[in-house]
Amino acid sequence: MAATDRGAEKTREWVCEAVRVIEADANRSADTHLIPFPLPPEWDVQLYLKDESTHPTGSLKHRLARSLFLYALCNGWVVEGTPVIEASSGSTAVSEAYFARMLGLPFIAVMPRTTSGEKVELIERQGGRCHFVDEPSQLYAESHRLAAELGGHFMDQFTHAERATDWRGNNNIAESIFGQMALEPHPEPEWVVVGAGTGGTSATIGRFIRYRRLRTRLAVVDPEYSVFYDAWRDARPTLTACRGSRIEGIGRPRVEPSFIGDVIDRMIKVPDAASLATIHVVEQVLGRRVGGSTGTNVWGAFQLVAELRAARRPGSVVTLLCDAGDRYGNTYYDRRWLARNELELTPHQDTVESFLATGDWPTPDGDEQPALTPGP
């Protein structure tokens, strides 16, 4: 056998073993829980939170990182010894560092120099290395440069997220949600509510709904300083902004390649103060802290629950608990941080508490889509 053939065979064996290792890790993990959020039973509308914080790396991004690694391995982009580079300072980098360490691969997260020490520590705890840039606009170019210099692979979550996940099933998040809903009072949700960071989760769920011929509709919530909502509403895919989102994990200053607007039925713009007010109410109700993107999701879900009630339509709504709140003790749960960022939570907290007491929601702004048509 020629040396080149032996080398190719060795590479194939390594890739096969790497895929097995990743699949075995998933096989060891039970599926994430679907938690009922307590609402008055007389409403006849149920709300559920898919708790993604129970993944080994503590967030929804664990699913994305696993899919990205399998995609890169099966495309031949990552082989034994390949340095893996990602443009991320948050949960995606933590999760990718976890899988890189599992496979014995170097991992480098390219991030702004202003990234908090807590986030850097989480990435380094998983065996990753942090590479800093002075301007966020440099992230992509520097990631490509590092990959070329090191002979590595730039994972590029924002391009590959929607294509790396098998949206037809294979225990993706959509199949998991609908499987867990099977024995509930309203097993086919009226709405599934998610945020968009890469756009991969909304693309997967929206495609799955159509593939399975379900009546469920997909709502995507979008925080301040993100362009997804305006680009979707006005059909302007080239829209950009100059400021990043304050709600970690969702919202982007540009429309990413993985954002597939045609599978979305509705978008809801959520003020950052409303997202953060909601997480404080969720903490009171569930007895646990959650991250800011969960607050954005739940704010949108509350609005849709209220619309179902107003239309006298029973049903269910499902959204995501993306990660736990322990990562945000120095930001979203810190009064000084909230004051520095001029975030006044009280009016929005009053809205949520009033909704939980009455089931009513304030009249939406003029650019919101109309409420549901009343049922019989």
Protein backbone atom coordinates (compact mmCIF):
# COMPACT_ATOMS: atom_id res chain seq x y z
CA MET A 1 0.00 0.00 0.00
CA ALA A 2 1.37 3.42 -0.95
CA ALA A 3 2.19 5.91 1.79
CA THR A 4 -0.54 8.26 0.55
CA ASP A 5 -3.12 5.46 0.77
CA ARG A 6 -2.01 4.61 4.31
CA GLY A 7 -2.27 8.27 5.26
CA ALA A 8 -5.77 8.55 3.80
CA GLU A 9 -6.86 5.38 5.58
CA LYS A 10 -5.47 6.67 8.88
CA THR A 11 -7.31 9.96 8.42
CA ARG A 12 -10.57 8.15 7.65
CA GLU A 13 -10.16 6.00 10.75
CA TRP A 14 -9.56 9.07 12.90
CA VAL A 15 -12.66 10.83 11.52
CA CYS A 16 -14.81 7.73 12.09
CA GLU A 17 -13.60 7.52 15.68
CA ALA A 18 -14.20 11.27 16.18
CA VAL A 19 -17.80 10.92 14.99
CA ARG A 20 -18.28 7.94 17.31
CA VAL A 21 -16.93 9.91 20.27
CA ILE A 22 -19.32 12.82 19.62
CA GLU A 23 -22.30 10.50 19.12
CA ALA A 24 -21.41 8.60 22.28
CA ASP A 25 -21.39 11.86 24.22
CA ALA A 26 -24.91 12.61 22.98
CA ASN A 27 -26.01 9.06 23.77
CA ARG A 28 -24.89 9.47 27.39
CA SER A 29 -27.09 12.52 27.82
CA ALA A 30 -30.81 12.37 28.44
CA ASP A 31 -32.88 14.80 26.37
CA THR A 32 -33.45 18.23 27.88
CA HIS A 33 -36.62 18.70 29.93
CA LEU A 34 -39.80 20.41 28.79
CA ILE A 35 -40.94 22.43 31.81
CA PRO A 36 -44.55 23.62 32.20
CA PHE A 37 -44.69 27.30 33.17
CA PRO A 38 -47.55 27.70 35.66
CA LEU A 39 -50.52 29.59 34.25
CA PRO A 40 -54.09 29.61 35.62
CA PRO A 41 -55.79 26.37 34.45
CA GLU A 42 -58.98 28.22 33.55
CA TRP A 43 -57.07 29.97 30.74
CA ASP A 44 -56.85 26.62 28.89
CA VAL A 45 -53.56 27.76 27.39
CA GLN A 46 -50.35 25.99 28.39
CA LEU A 47 -46.83 27.41 28.20
CA TYR A 48 -43.72 25.21 28.16
CA LEU A 49 -40.01 26.00 28.41
CA LYS A 50 -37.54 23.66 26.70
CA ASP A 51 -34.69 23.70 29.23
CA GLU A 52 -31.46 23.78 27.21
CA SER A 53 -29.39 24.76 30.26
CA THR A 54 -29.02 21.08 31.22
CA HIS A 55 -26.61 20.28 28.37
CA PRO A 56 -23.04 19.48 29.51
CA THR A 57 -21.89 22.99 28.53
CA GLY A 58 -25.00 24.63 29.94
CA SER A 59 -26.74 26.18 26.95
CA LEU A 60 -28.66 25.77 23.70
CA LYS A 61 -25.35 26.29 21.86
CA HIS A 62 -24.28 22.77 22.84
CA ARG A 63 -26.57 21.42 20.10
CA LEU A 64 -25.11 23.85 17.56
CA ALA A 65 -21.51 23.04 18.47
CA ARG A 66 -22.14 19.30 18.16
CA SER A 67 -23.75 19.77 14.74
CA LEU A 68 -20.95 22.06 13.54
CA PHE A 69 -18.28 19.55 14.53
CA LEU A 70 -20.08 16.64 12.85
CA TYR A 71 -20.59 18.78 9.73
CA ALA A 72 -16.92 19.78 9.60
CA LEU A 73 -15.72 16.21 10.22
CA CYS A 74 -17.98 14.67 7.58
CA ASN A 75 -17.02 17.36 5.04
CA GLY A 76 -13.35 16.56 5.54
CA TRP A 77 -12.56 20.01 6.92
CA VAL A 78 -11.39 18.78 10.33
CA VAL A 79 -8.97 15.88 10.73
CA GLU A 80 -6.56 14.80 13.42
CA GLY A 81 -4.61 17.78 14.74
CA THR A 82 -6.66 20.47 12.94
CA PRO A 83 -6.81 23.71 14.94
CA VAL A 84 -10.45 24.86 15.22
CA ILE A 85 -11.17 28.59 15.22
CA GLU A 86 -14.47 30.31 16.00
CA ALA A 87 -15.58 33.94 16.17
CA SER A 88 -17.41 33.92 19.50
CA SER A 89 -17.05 35.25 23.02
CA GLY A 90 -20.04 33.45 24.45
CA SER A 91 -21.77 30.13 24.79
CA THR A 92 -20.88 28.83 21.31
CA ALA A 93 -17.18 29.15 22.10
CA VAL A 94 -17.65 27.33 25.43
CA SER A 95 -19.45 24.46 23.71
CA GLU A 96 -17.02 24.22 20.79
CA ALA A 97 -14.08 24.19 23.21
CA TYR A 98 -15.74 21.24 24.96
CA PHE A 99 -15.96 19.19 21.75
CA ALA A 100 -12.47 20.19 20.60
CA ARG A 101 -11.01 18.99 23.88
CA MET A 102 -12.98 15.75 23.56
CA LEU A 103 -11.32 15.14 20.17
CA GLY A 104 -7.86 16.33 21.24
CA LEU A 105 -7.95 19.36 18.93
CA PRO A 106 -6.65 22.88 19.62
CA PHE A 107 -9.45 25.45 19.89
CA ILE A 108 -9.15 29.23 19.59
CA ALA A 109 -12.01 31.65 20.24
CA VAL A 110 -11.59 35.01 18.52
CA MET A 111 -13.28 37.69 20.61
CA PRO A 112 -13.30 41.42 21.40
CA ARG A 113 -10.72 42.58 23.93
CA THR A 114 -13.57 43.90 26.07
CA THR A 115 -14.96 40.39 26.70
CA SER A 116 -15.55 39.79 30.40
CA GLY A 117 -13.14 37.72 32.44
CA GLU A 118 -15.97 35.34 33.39
CA LYS A 119 -16.53 34.36 29.76
CA VAL A 120 -12.82 33.95 29.11
CA GLU A 121 -12.59 31.68 32.15
CA LEU A 122 -15.47 29.48 30.93
CA ILE A 123 -13.78 28.97 27.56
CA GLU A 124 -10.38 28.30 29.08
CA ARG A 125 -11.90 25.88 31.57
CA GLN A 126 -12.96 23.75 28.59
CA GLY A 127 -9.40 23.82 27.22
CA GLY A 128 -9.86 26.64 24.72
CA ARG A 129 -7.57 29.60 24.06
CA CYS A 130 -8.83 33.16 23.65
CA HIS A 131 -7.48 35.45 20.91
CA PHE A 132 -8.43 39.11 21.25
CA VAL A 133 -9.15 41.82 18.69
CA ASP A 134 -9.57 45.53 19.35
CA GLU A 135 -12.66 46.03 17.16
CA PRO A 136 -15.63 43.61 16.87
CA SER A 137 -15.63 44.29 13.11
CA GLN A 138 -12.28 42.46 12.92
CA LEU A 139 -13.63 39.13 14.22
CA TYR A 140 -14.31 37.44 10.89
CA ALA A 141 -11.19 38.62 9.07
CA GLU A 142 -8.98 37.66 12.01
CA SER A 143 -10.62 34.23 12.27
CA HIS A 144 -9.95 33.58 8.57
CA ARG A 145 -6.37 34.83 8.98
CA LEU A 146 -5.70 32.57 11.96
CA ALA A 147 -7.15 29.55 10.18
CA ALA A 148 -4.94 30.16 7.15
CA GLU A 149 -1.83 30.81 9.27
CA LEU A 150 -2.27 27.72 11.44
CA GLY A 151 -3.60 25.37 8.77
CA GLY A 152 -6.82 25.23 10.77
CA HIS A 153 -10.55 25.39 10.15
CA PHE A 154 -12.73 28.45 10.83
CA MET A 155 -15.99 26.89 12.04
CA ASP A 156 -18.02 30.03 11.11
CA GLN A 157 -21.21 29.38 13.06
CA PHE A 158 -23.09 32.23 11.40
CA THR A 159 -22.71 30.73 7.93
CA HIS A 160 -23.02 27.02 8.70
CA ALA A 161 -25.60 26.85 11.51
CA GLU A 162 -28.67 26.35 9.31
CA ARG A 163 -27.07 23.69 7.11
CA ALA A 164 -25.19 21.73 9.79
CA THR A 165 -28.36 20.52 11.54
CA ASP A 166 -30.54 17.81 10.01
CA TRP A 167 -33.85 19.70 10.06
CA ARG A 168 -35.88 16.63 9.03
CA GLY A 169 -35.33 14.99 12.40
CA ASN A 170 -32.46 12.91 13.83
CA ASN A 171 -33.38 14.09 17.35
CA ASN A 172 -32.91 17.76 16.55
CA ILE A 173 -34.51 20.30 18.88
CA ALA A 174 -37.72 20.45 16.82
CA GLU A 175 -38.28 16.70 16.84
CA SER A 176 -37.51 16.66 20.56
CA ILE A 177 -40.08 19.37 21.31
CA PHE A 178 -42.90 17.76 19.35
CA GLY A 179 -42.10 14.31 20.74
CA GLN A 180 -42.25 15.61 24.30
CA MET A 181 -45.53 17.43 23.60
CA ALA A 182 -47.28 14.23 22.43
CA LEU A 183 -49.14 13.53 25.70
CA GLU A 184 -49.93 17.14 26.62
CA PRO A 185 -53.50 18.59 26.51
CA HIS A 186 -52.67 20.49 23.30
CA PRO A 187 -49.88 18.41 21.72
CA GLU A 188 -49.51 20.48 18.56
CA PRO A 189 -48.47 23.95 19.76
CA GLU A 190 -50.11 27.02 18.32
CA TRP A 191 -46.71 28.73 18.46
CA VAL A 192 -43.06 27.93 19.00
CA VAL A 193 -41.11 31.02 20.06
CA VAL A 194 -37.33 31.36 19.63
CA GLY A 195 -34.71 34.06 19.29
CA ALA A 196 -32.19 34.32 16.48
CA GLY A 197 -28.42 34.61 16.85
CA THR A 198 -27.08 32.61 13.96
CA GLY A 199 -30.61 31.84 12.78
CA GLY A 200 -29.91 28.10 12.86
CA THR A 201 -32.51 27.20 15.50
CA SER A 202 -35.33 29.11 13.82
CA ALA A 203 -34.38 27.62 10.43
CA THR A 204 -34.40 24.09 11.87
CA ILE A 205 -37.76 24.48 13.62
CA GLY A 206 -39.43 26.31 10.73
CA ARG A 207 -38.34 23.69 8.19
CA PHE A 208 -39.32 20.81 10.48
CA ILE A 209 -42.82 22.26 10.95
CA ARG A 210 -43.33 22.36 7.20
CA TYR A 211 -41.75 18.97 6.60
CA ARG A 212 -44.06 17.34 9.15
CA ARG A 213 -47.08 19.26 7.77
CA LEU A 214 -47.88 20.79 11.15
CA ARG A 215 -50.17 23.77 11.77
CA THR A 216 -47.81 25.21 14.39
CA ARG A 217 -46.49 28.68 13.64
CA LEU A 218 -43.00 29.97 14.34
CA ALA A 219 -42.45 33.32 16.07
CA VAL A 220 -38.96 34.82 16.31
CA VAL A 221 -38.26 37.45 18.97
CA ASP A 222 -35.56 40.03 18.36
CA PRO A 223 -33.83 42.32 20.88
CA GLU A 224 -32.82 45.96 20.54
CA TYR A 225 -29.88 46.84 18.27
CA SER A 226 -30.53 43.76 16.15
CA VAL A 227 -31.47 44.07 12.49
CA PHE A 228 -33.30 40.76 12.03
CA TYR A 229 -36.78 42.16 12.76
CA ASP A 230 -36.48 45.21 10.49
CA ALA A 231 -34.80 43.24 7.70
CA TRP A 232 -37.57 40.60 7.84
CA ARG A 233 -40.40 43.13 8.03
CA ASP A 234 -39.09 45.29 5.18
CA ALA A 235 -37.49 42.49 3.09
CA ARG A 236 -34.05 44.15 3.35
CA PRO A 237 -31.53 41.32 3.72
CA THR A 238 -28.54 43.66 3.38
CA LEU A 239 -29.56 45.82 6.36
CA THR A 240 -26.79 46.46 8.91
CA ALA A 241 -26.40 48.32 12.20
CA CYS A 242 -23.42 49.74 14.04
CA ARG A 243 -24.08 48.34 17.51
CA GLY A 244 -24.19 44.80 18.88
CA SER A 245 -26.96 43.25 20.95
CA ARG A 246 -26.90 43.47 24.74
CA ILE A 247 -28.83 40.19 25.00
CA GLU A 248 -26.14 37.55 24.73
CA GLY A 249 -26.71 34.79 22.21
CA ILE A 250 -29.37 36.52 20.11
CA GLY A 251 -29.56 39.58 17.90
CA ARG A 252 -27.04 40.62 15.26
CA PRO A 253 -25.93 43.88 13.60
CA ARG A 254 -26.23 42.19 10.19
CA VAL A 255 -28.47 39.53 8.64
CA GLU A 256 -26.43 36.34 8.94
CA PRO A 257 -26.39 33.72 6.15
CA SER A 258 -28.12 31.18 8.41
CA PHE A 259 -31.15 33.42 9.03
CA ILE A 260 -33.94 32.01 6.81
CA GLY A 261 -36.76 34.53 6.99
CA ASP A 262 -39.15 32.61 4.75
CA VAL A 263 -39.77 29.92 7.40
CA ILE A 264 -40.83 32.50 10.02
CA ASP A 265 -44.51 33.31 10.52
CA ARG A 266 -44.11 36.30 12.81
CA MET A 267 -41.42 38.43 14.43
CA ILE A 268 -41.73 40.40 17.66
CA LYS A 269 -39.35 43.20 18.64
CA VAL A 270 -38.57 43.10 22.37
CA PRO A 271 -36.96 45.99 24.32
CA ASP A 272 -33.88 44.91 26.25
CA ALA A 273 -35.40 46.22 29.48
CA ALA A 274 -38.44 44.00 28.85
CA SER A 275 -36.22 40.93 28.34
CA LEU A 276 -34.40 41.58 31.60
CA ALA A 277 -37.52 42.45 33.57
CA THR A 278 -38.96 39.13 32.46
CA ILE A 279 -36.03 37.08 33.79
CA HIS A 280 -36.56 38.56 37.23
CA VAL A 281 -40.22 37.53 37.17
CA VAL A 282 -39.28 34.06 35.88
CA GLU A 283 -36.88 33.74 38.81
CA GLN A 284 -39.73 34.47 41.22
CA VAL A 285 -42.03 31.93 39.55
CA LEU A 286 -39.58 29.07 38.86
CA GLY A 287 -37.17 29.70 41.72
CA ARG A 288 -34.14 29.79 39.41
CA ARG A 289 -32.23 32.33 37.40
CA VAL A 290 -32.21 32.27 33.60
CA GLY A 291 -30.28 34.18 30.95
CA GLY A 292 -31.37 37.25 29.05
CA SER A 293 -32.30 35.46 25.82
CA THR A 294 -34.76 33.36 27.81
CA GLY A 295 -36.35 36.60 28.98
CA THR A 296 -36.74 37.73 25.36
CA ASN A 297 -38.34 34.39 24.47
CA VAL A 298 -40.73 34.40 27.42
CA TRP A 299 -41.80 38.02 26.86
CA GLY A 300 -42.81 37.08 23.32
CA ALA A 301 -44.49 33.88 24.51
CA PHE A 302 -46.52 35.78 27.12
CA GLN A 303 -47.79 38.10 24.39
CA LEU A 304 -48.92 35.16 22.25
CA VAL A 305 -50.59 33.44 25.21
CA ALA A 306 -52.52 36.64 25.87
CA GLU A 307 -53.61 36.79 22.21
CA LEU A 308 -54.86 33.20 22.34
CA ARG A 309 -56.88 34.03 25.44
CA ALA A 310 -58.29 37.19 23.87
CA ALA A 311 -59.31 35.15 20.81
CA ARG A 312 -60.90 32.48 23.09
CA ARG A 313 -58.65 29.84 21.53
CA PRO A 314 -57.26 27.06 23.73
CA GLY A 315 -53.82 25.79 22.88
CA SER A 316 -50.18 25.65 23.84
CA VAL A 317 -47.05 27.73 23.31
CA VAL A 318 -43.47 26.44 23.54
CA THR A 319 -40.32 28.47 23.95
CA LEU A 320 -36.70 27.91 25.00
CA LEU A 321 -34.88 28.29 28.29
CA CYS A 322 -31.54 28.91 26.61
CA ASP A 323 -29.13 28.98 29.55
CA ALA A 324 -28.95 29.51 33.29
CA GLY A 325 -28.58 32.91 34.91
CA ASP A 326 -25.40 32.13 36.84
CA ARG A 327 -23.35 33.43 33.91
CA TYR A 328 -24.92 36.88 34.27
CA GLY A 329 -24.47 37.74 37.93
CA ASN A 330 -22.29 40.72 37.03
CA THR A 331 -24.58 41.99 34.27
CA TYR A 332 -28.30 41.22 34.00
CA TYR A 333 -28.69 40.57 37.75
CA ASP A 334 -26.48 43.48 38.84
CA ARG A 335 -28.35 46.72 39.60
CA ARG A 336 -25.22 48.78 38.95
CA TRP A 337 -24.78 47.27 35.47
CA LEU A 338 -28.45 47.91 34.70
CA ALA A 339 -28.10 51.54 35.84
CA ARG A 340 -24.94 52.08 33.76
CA ASN A 341 -26.80 50.79 30.72
CA GLU A 342 -29.85 52.94 31.50
CA LEU A 343 -32.17 49.96 31.69
CA GLU A 344 -35.30 50.67 33.72
CA LEU A 345 -37.06 47.38 34.36
CA THR A 346 -40.01 48.43 36.52
CA PRO A 347 -42.57 49.33 33.79
CA HIS A 348 -41.94 46.07 31.95
CA GLN A 349 -41.98 44.05 35.17
CA ASP A 350 -45.38 45.59 35.91
CA THR A 351 -46.58 44.47 32.46
CA VAL A 352 -45.51 40.89 33.08
CA GLU A 353 -46.95 40.73 36.59
CA SER A 354 -50.24 42.20 35.36
CA PHE A 355 -50.37 39.61 32.56
CA LEU A 356 -49.82 36.74 35.00
CA ALA A 357 -52.62 38.08 37.19
CA THR A 358 -55.16 38.91 34.45
CA GLY A 359 -54.09 37.24 31.19
CA ASP A 360 -54.23 40.62 29.43
CA TRP A 361 -51.46 42.22 27.38
CA PRO A 362 -51.08 45.90 26.41
CA THR A 363 -52.13 46.86 22.90
CA PRO A 364 -49.11 46.28 20.64
CA ASP A 365 -47.32 49.05 18.76
CA GLY A 366 -48.45 50.05 15.32
CA ASP A 367 -45.84 47.99 13.48
CA GLU A 368 -46.79 44.76 15.23
CA GLN A 369 -48.84 42.21 13.36
CA PRO A 370 -52.57 42.11 14.28
CA ALA A 371 -53.95 39.89 17.00
CA LEU A 372 -55.42 36.49 16.26
CA THR A 373 -58.91 36.07 14.82
CA PRO A 374 -61.36 35.06 17.57
CA GLY A 375 -62.36 31.41 17.63
CA PRO A 376 -65.92 30.09 17.80
